[in-house]
Amino acid sequence: MLWEAVTMALNIRPMTSADKTAIMHILRATPEFKPAEVVVAEELLDWHLQDPVGSGYHVLVAEAGGSVSGYVCYGPTPLTEGTWDVYWIAVSREGRGRGVGSALSGAAEGKIREASGRLVIVETSSKPEYENTRRFYVSKGYEEAGRIGDFYAPGDDLVIFKKQLSCSIAPAAGEAGCCCLNEPQSTCAQ
């Protein structure tokens, strides 16, 4: 009951250096993540904290009741026009099934739209432990775009999800077309 009240007051905000300890605790407490994966996640956090603009990584945290309950790390895909990657979404055990992941995903997609993003890519594992993760993305409108067999290890495929975003910002006055790259005007939200 207490968590339900806290969920109502969920705050999504940019990460600060003070959040790193809580995020690392969430990552280490997530059994699906191998120690080497946690090291990579920490590197991305550190790059973001050292240079939030130049790193290419954006990090938002979900805060409930004064505590970090999850985070999302995402960024533009190099050498593409409007394609973005979601690298990590992790939610505390207490926050799972309470809308924290949905709020983080929605906030990241909103920021991506603001930056004229048009396509979001997520890569994950085919292992049974990741079934909930795959269902989560499908429930958020992502579709499986491809698989590479035995990518991570024998029997562990890379599963690639994609989501086409619709434009949320109209073109500037006098501009033709949609503000989202490669999106026809007819699909641009007004």
C-alpha atoms as a PDB file:
ATOM      1  CA  MET A   1       0.000   0.000   0.000  1.00  0.00           C
ATOM      2  CA  LEU A   2       2.830   2.418   0.816  1.00  0.00           C
ATOM      3  CA  TRP A   3       4.472   1.781  -2.579  1.00  0.00           C
ATOM      4  CA  GLU A   4       1.169   2.487  -4.386  1.00  0.00           C
ATOM      5  CA  ALA A   5       1.060   5.922  -2.747  1.00  0.00           C
ATOM      6  CA  VAL A   6       4.683   6.530  -3.686  1.00  0.00           C
ATOM      7  CA  THR A   7       4.054   5.481  -7.303  1.00  0.00           C
ATOM      8  CA  MET A   8       1.564   8.304  -7.639  1.00  0.00           C
ATOM      9  CA  ALA A   9       4.377  10.738  -6.850  1.00  0.00           C
ATOM     10  CA  LEU A  10       6.862   9.274  -9.329  1.00  0.00           C
ATOM     11  CA  ASN A  11       9.249  11.949 -10.590  1.00  0.00           C
ATOM     12  CA  ILE A  12      11.258  11.445 -13.787  1.00  0.00           C
ATOM     13  CA  ARG A  13      14.293  13.729 -13.956  1.00  0.00           C
ATOM     14  CA  PRO A  14      17.836  13.908 -15.349  1.00  0.00           C
ATOM     15  CA  MET A  15      20.455  11.915 -13.466  1.00  0.00           C
ATOM     16  CA  THR A  16      22.838  13.674 -11.092  1.00  0.00           C
ATOM     17  CA  SER A  17      26.082  12.336  -9.644  1.00  0.00           C
ATOM     18  CA  ALA A  18      24.244  11.744  -6.362  1.00  0.00           C
ATOM     19  CA  ASP A  19      22.099   9.097  -8.116  1.00  0.00           C
ATOM     20  CA  LYS A  20      24.938   6.834  -9.212  1.00  0.00           C
ATOM     21  CA  THR A  21      25.139   4.758  -6.018  1.00  0.00           C
ATOM     22  CA  ALA A  22      21.423   3.949  -6.122  1.00  0.00           C
ATOM     23  CA  ILE A  23      21.545   3.084  -9.823  1.00  0.00           C
ATOM     24  CA  MET A  24      24.518   0.787  -9.285  1.00  0.00           C
ATOM     25  CA  HIS A  25      22.642  -0.937  -6.455  1.00  0.00           C
ATOM     26  CA  ILE A  26      19.694  -1.544  -8.802  1.00  0.00           C
ATOM     27  CA  LEU A  27      21.991  -2.925 -11.507  1.00  0.00           C
ATOM     28  CA  ARG A  28      23.825  -5.256  -9.111  1.00  0.00           C
ATOM     29  CA  ALA A  29      20.527  -6.489  -7.637  1.00  0.00           C
ATOM     30  CA  THR A  30      19.122  -7.381 -11.063  1.00  0.00           C
ATOM     31  CA  PRO A  31      19.918 -11.089 -11.517  1.00  0.00           C
ATOM     32  CA  GLU A  32      19.666 -10.963 -15.327  1.00  0.00           C
ATOM     33  CA  PHE A  33      22.689  -8.668 -15.531  1.00  0.00           C
ATOM     34  CA  LYS A  34      26.083 -10.363 -15.537  1.00  0.00           C
ATOM     35  CA  PRO A  35      28.927  -8.599 -13.675  1.00  0.00           C
ATOM     36  CA  ALA A  36      30.583  -7.616 -16.982  1.00  0.00           C
ATOM     37  CA  GLU A  37      27.321  -5.999 -18.123  1.00  0.00           C
ATOM     38  CA  VAL A  38      27.120  -3.991 -14.912  1.00  0.00           C
ATOM     39  CA  VAL A  39      30.658  -2.736 -15.578  1.00  0.00           C
ATOM     40  CA  VAL A  40      29.581  -1.507 -19.032  1.00  0.00           C
ATOM     41  CA  ALA A  41      26.469   0.159 -17.604  1.00  0.00           C
ATOM     42  CA  GLU A  42      28.660   1.962 -15.065  1.00  0.00           C
ATOM     43  CA  GLU A  43      31.004   3.157 -17.824  1.00  0.00           C
ATOM     44  CA  LEU A  44      28.065   4.726 -19.667  1.00  0.00           C
ATOM     45  CA  LEU A  45      26.913   6.428 -16.462  1.00  0.00           C
ATOM     46  CA  ASP A  46      30.410   7.780 -15.869  1.00  0.00           C
ATOM     47  CA  TRP A  47      30.727   9.085 -19.441  1.00  0.00           C
ATOM     48  CA  HIS A  48      27.372  10.799 -19.075  1.00  0.00           C
ATOM     49  CA  LEU A  49      28.330  12.372 -15.736  1.00  0.00           C
ATOM     50  CA  GLN A  50      31.697  13.578 -17.095  1.00  0.00           C
ATOM     51  CA  ASP A  51      30.185  15.154 -20.209  1.00  0.00           C
ATOM     52  CA  PRO A  52      26.365  15.125 -20.305  1.00  0.00           C
ATOM     53  CA  VAL A  53      26.213  16.832 -23.703  1.00  0.00           C
ATOM     54  CA  GLY A  54      29.240  15.424 -25.528  1.00  0.00           C
ATOM     55  CA  SER A  55      29.015  11.820 -24.309  1.00  0.00           C
ATOM     56  CA  GLY A  56      26.026  10.994 -26.499  1.00  0.00           C
ATOM     57  CA  TYR A  57      24.328   9.318 -23.538  1.00  0.00           C
ATOM     58  CA  HIS A  58      21.213  10.637 -21.859  1.00  0.00           C
ATOM     59  CA  VAL A  59      20.179   9.312 -18.454  1.00  0.00           C
ATOM     60  CA  LEU A  60      16.876   9.822 -16.668  1.00  0.00           C
ATOM     61  CA  VAL A  61      15.991   8.496 -13.234  1.00  0.00           C
ATOM     62  CA  ALA A  62      12.653   7.648 -11.682  1.00  0.00           C
ATOM     63  CA  GLU A  63      12.404   8.884  -8.128  1.00  0.00           C
ATOM     64  CA  ALA A  64       9.672   7.808  -5.720  1.00  0.00           C
ATOM     65  CA  GLY A  65       9.506   8.889  -2.111  1.00  0.00           C
ATOM     66  CA  GLY A  66      12.956  10.452  -2.330  1.00  0.00           C
ATOM     67  CA  SER A  67      14.597   7.247  -3.581  1.00  0.00           C
ATOM     68  CA  VAL A  68      15.765   6.292  -7.051  1.00  0.00           C
ATOM     69  CA  SER A  69      13.573   3.411  -8.234  1.00  0.00           C
ATOM     70  CA  GLY A  70      14.905   3.044 -11.775  1.00  0.00           C
ATOM     71  CA  TYR A  71      16.756   4.603 -14.676  1.00  0.00           C
ATOM     72  CA  VAL A  72      16.956   4.686 -18.445  1.00  0.00           C
ATOM     73  CA  CYS A  73      20.065   5.341 -20.557  1.00  0.00           C
ATOM     74  CA  TYR A  74      19.569   6.195 -24.225  1.00  0.00           C
ATOM     75  CA  GLY A  75      21.241   8.126 -27.009  1.00  0.00           C
ATOM     76  CA  PRO A  76      21.299   8.929 -30.709  1.00  0.00           C
ATOM     77  CA  THR A  77      22.685   6.183 -32.920  1.00  0.00           C
ATOM     78  CA  PRO A  78      25.848   7.428 -34.630  1.00  0.00           C
ATOM     79  CA  LEU A  79      25.724   7.912 -38.406  1.00  0.00           C
ATOM     80  CA  THR A  80      21.912   7.749 -38.600  1.00  0.00           C
ATOM     81  CA  GLU A  81      19.181  10.321 -39.177  1.00  0.00           C
ATOM     82  CA  GLY A  82      16.793  10.298 -36.241  1.00  0.00           C
ATOM     83  CA  THR A  83      17.520   6.792 -34.937  1.00  0.00           C
ATOM     84  CA  TRP A  84      18.091   6.370 -31.202  1.00  0.00           C
ATOM     85  CA  ASP A  85      19.120   3.444 -29.013  1.00  0.00           C
ATOM     86  CA  VAL A  86      17.773   2.602 -25.583  1.00  0.00           C
ATOM     87  CA  TYR A  87      20.773   1.021 -23.895  1.00  0.00           C
ATOM     88  CA  TRP A  88      19.470   0.287 -20.411  1.00  0.00           C
ATOM     89  CA  ILE A  89      16.265   0.368 -18.431  1.00  0.00           C
ATOM     90  CA  ALA A  90      16.565  -1.018 -14.937  1.00  0.00           C
ATOM     91  CA  VAL A  91      14.011  -0.857 -12.151  1.00  0.00           C
ATOM     92  CA  SER A  92      14.387  -1.742  -8.478  1.00  0.00           C
ATOM     93  CA  ARG A  93      12.695  -4.923  -7.295  1.00  0.00           C
ATOM     94  CA  GLU A  94      10.175  -2.818  -5.352  1.00  0.00           C
ATOM     95  CA  GLY A  95       9.351  -0.778  -8.432  1.00  0.00           C
ATOM     96  CA  ARG A  96       8.759  -3.657 -10.846  1.00  0.00           C
ATOM     97  CA  GLY A  97       5.190  -4.017 -12.020  1.00  0.00           C
ATOM     98  CA  ARG A  98       4.340  -0.565 -10.643  1.00  0.00           C
ATOM     99  CA  GLY A  99       4.681   1.518 -13.787  1.00  0.00           C
ATOM    100  CA  VAL A 100       8.246   2.705 -13.196  1.00  0.00           C
ATOM    101  CA  GLY A 101       9.619   1.103 -16.371  1.00  0.00           C
ATOM    102  CA  SER A 102       6.676   2.413 -18.377  1.00  0.00           C
ATOM    103  CA  ALA A 103       7.218   5.928 -17.042  1.00  0.00           C
ATOM    104  CA  LEU A 104      10.935   5.786 -17.876  1.00  0.00           C
ATOM    105  CA  SER A 105      10.301   4.414 -21.363  1.00  0.00           C
ATOM    106  CA  GLY A 106       7.661   7.052 -22.049  1.00  0.00           C
ATOM    107  CA  ALA A 107       9.867   9.872 -20.773  1.00  0.00           C
ATOM    108  CA  ALA A 108      12.806   8.734 -22.918  1.00  0.00           C
ATOM    109  CA  GLU A 109      10.572   8.473 -25.995  1.00  0.00           C
ATOM    110  CA  GLY A 110       9.266  11.980 -25.298  1.00  0.00           C
ATOM    111  CA  LYS A 111      12.797  13.374 -25.125  1.00  0.00           C
ATOM    112  CA  ILE A 112      13.722  11.487 -28.300  1.00  0.00           C
ATOM    113  CA  ARG A 113      10.711  12.997 -30.101  1.00  0.00           C
ATOM    114  CA  GLU A 114      11.741  16.476 -28.906  1.00  0.00           C
ATOM    115  CA  ALA A 115      15.118  15.846 -30.565  1.00  0.00           C
ATOM    116  CA  SER A 116      13.362  14.909 -33.843  1.00  0.00           C
ATOM    117  CA  GLY A 117      13.964  11.217 -33.261  1.00  0.00           C
ATOM    118  CA  ARG A 118      11.903   8.955 -35.462  1.00  0.00           C
ATOM    119  CA  LEU A 119      13.012   5.417 -34.626  1.00  0.00           C
ATOM    120  CA  VAL A 120      13.981   3.734 -31.347  1.00  0.00           C
ATOM    121  CA  ILE A 121      16.032   0.523 -31.264  1.00  0.00           C
ATOM    122  CA  VAL A 122      16.385  -1.824 -28.297  1.00  0.00           C
ATOM    123  CA  GLU A 123      18.643  -4.873 -28.192  1.00  0.00           C
ATOM    124  CA  THR A 124      18.133  -7.661 -25.675  1.00  0.00           C
ATOM    125  CA  SER A 125      18.739 -11.331 -25.045  1.00  0.00           C
ATOM    126  CA  SER A 126      16.657 -14.331 -26.106  1.00  0.00           C
ATOM    127  CA  LYS A 127      17.362 -16.137 -22.836  1.00  0.00           C
ATOM    128  CA  PRO A 128      14.289 -17.217 -20.832  1.00  0.00           C
ATOM    129  CA  GLU A 129      15.262 -14.821 -18.028  1.00  0.00           C
ATOM    130  CA  TYR A 130      14.590 -11.950 -20.454  1.00  0.00           C
ATOM    131  CA  GLU A 131      11.043 -13.034 -21.352  1.00  0.00           C
ATOM    132  CA  ASN A 132       9.535 -10.299 -19.137  1.00  0.00           C
ATOM    133  CA  THR A 133      11.816  -7.744 -20.774  1.00  0.00           C
ATOM    134  CA  ARG A 134      10.723  -8.791 -24.253  1.00  0.00           C
ATOM    135  CA  ARG A 135       7.038  -8.713 -23.220  1.00  0.00           C
ATOM    136  CA  PHE A 136       7.557  -5.246 -21.724  1.00  0.00           C
ATOM    137  CA  TYR A 137       8.824  -3.828 -25.020  1.00  0.00           C
ATOM    138  CA  VAL A 138       6.036  -5.459 -27.021  1.00  0.00           C
ATOM    139  CA  SER A 139       3.496  -3.971 -24.591  1.00  0.00           C
ATOM    140  CA  LYS A 140       5.012  -0.529 -25.258  1.00  0.00           C
ATOM    141  CA  GLY A 141       4.490  -0.819 -29.016  1.00  0.00           C
ATOM    142  CA  TYR A 142       7.879  -2.207 -30.016  1.00  0.00           C
ATOM    143  CA  GLU A 143       8.054  -4.952 -32.600  1.00  0.00           C
ATOM    144  CA  GLU A 144      10.729  -7.550 -33.095  1.00  0.00           C
ATOM    145  CA  ALA A 145      12.769  -6.380 -36.068  1.00  0.00           C
ATOM    146  CA  GLY A 146      15.339  -9.144 -36.159  1.00  0.00           C
ATOM    147  CA  ARG A 147      17.461 -11.754 -34.438  1.00  0.00           C
ATOM    148  CA  ILE A 148      21.050 -12.820 -34.695  1.00  0.00           C
ATOM    149  CA  GLY A 149      21.430 -16.386 -33.513  1.00  0.00           C
ATOM    150  CA  ASP A 150      24.051 -17.262 -30.916  1.00  0.00           C
ATOM    151  CA  PHE A 151      25.133 -13.597 -30.758  1.00  0.00           C
ATOM    152  CA  TYR A 152      25.861 -13.295 -27.027  1.00  0.00           C
ATOM    153  CA  ALA A 153      26.730 -16.962 -26.550  1.00  0.00           C
ATOM    154  CA  PRO A 154      25.669 -20.320 -27.999  1.00  0.00           C
ATOM    155  CA  GLY A 155      21.898 -20.456 -27.515  1.00  0.00           C
ATOM    156  CA  ASP A 156      21.636 -16.757 -26.599  1.00  0.00           C
ATOM    157  CA  ASP A 157      20.368 -14.735 -29.544  1.00  0.00           C
ATOM    158  CA  LEU A 158      20.409 -10.976 -29.951  1.00  0.00           C
ATOM    159  CA  VAL A 159      16.778  -9.829 -30.243  1.00  0.00           C
ATOM    160  CA  ILE A 160      16.331  -6.421 -31.843  1.00  0.00           C
ATOM    161  CA  PHE A 161      13.162  -4.415 -31.231  1.00  0.00           C
ATOM    162  CA  LYS A 162      12.131  -1.234 -32.991  1.00  0.00           C
ATOM    163  CA  LYS A 163       9.495   1.420 -32.498  1.00  0.00           C
ATOM    164  CA  GLN A 164       8.607   4.071 -35.035  1.00  0.00           C
ATOM    165  CA  LEU A 165       7.828   7.345 -33.281  1.00  0.00           C
ATOM    166  CA  SER A 166       5.338   9.817 -34.614  1.00  0.00           C
ATOM    167  CA  CYS A 167       6.314  13.434 -34.654  1.00  0.00           C
ATOM    168  CA  SER A 168       5.090  15.533 -31.725  1.00  0.00           C
ATOM    169  CA  ILE A 169       6.351  18.911 -32.892  1.00  0.00           C
ATOM    170  CA  ALA A 170       4.988  20.642 -35.982  1.00  0.00           C
ATOM    171  CA  PRO A 171       7.459  21.993 -38.560  1.00  0.00           C
ATOM    172  CA  ALA A 172       8.660  25.545 -38.087  1.00  0.00           C
ATOM    173  CA  ALA A 173       6.701  28.258 -39.879  1.00  0.00           C
ATOM    174  CA  GLY A 174       7.447  28.234 -43.579  1.00  0.00           C
ATOM    175  CA  GLU A 175       9.019  24.756 -43.545  1.00  0.00           C
ATOM    176  CA  ALA A 176       7.618  21.964 -45.677  1.00  0.00           C
ATOM    177  CA  GLY A 177       7.318  18.392 -44.524  1.00  0.00           C
ATOM    178  CA  CYS A 178       7.433  16.954 -41.068  1.00  0.00           C
ATOM    179  CA  CYS A 179       9.815  17.871 -38.305  1.00  0.00           C
ATOM    180  CA  CYS A 180      10.757  14.215 -37.921  1.00  0.00           C
ATOM    181  CA  LEU A 181      13.330  13.145 -40.471  1.00  0.00           C
ATOM    182  CA  ASN A 182      12.049  10.969 -43.296  1.00  0.00           C
ATOM    183  CA  GLU A 183       8.461  11.127 -42.053  1.00  0.00           C
ATOM    184  CA  PRO A 184       5.761  12.273 -44.471  1.00  0.00           C
ATOM    185  CA  GLN A 185       3.799  15.383 -43.505  1.00  0.00           C
ATOM    186  CA  SER A 186       0.570  13.385 -43.330  1.00  0.00           C
ATOM    187  CA  THR A 187       1.881  11.523 -40.260  1.00  0.00           C
ATOM    188  CA  CYS A 188       3.213  14.583 -38.461  1.00  0.00           C
ATOM    189  CA  ALA A 189       1.225  15.407 -35.331  1.00  0.00           C
ATOM    190  CA  GLN A 190      -0.238  18.904 -35.379  1.00  0.00           C
END
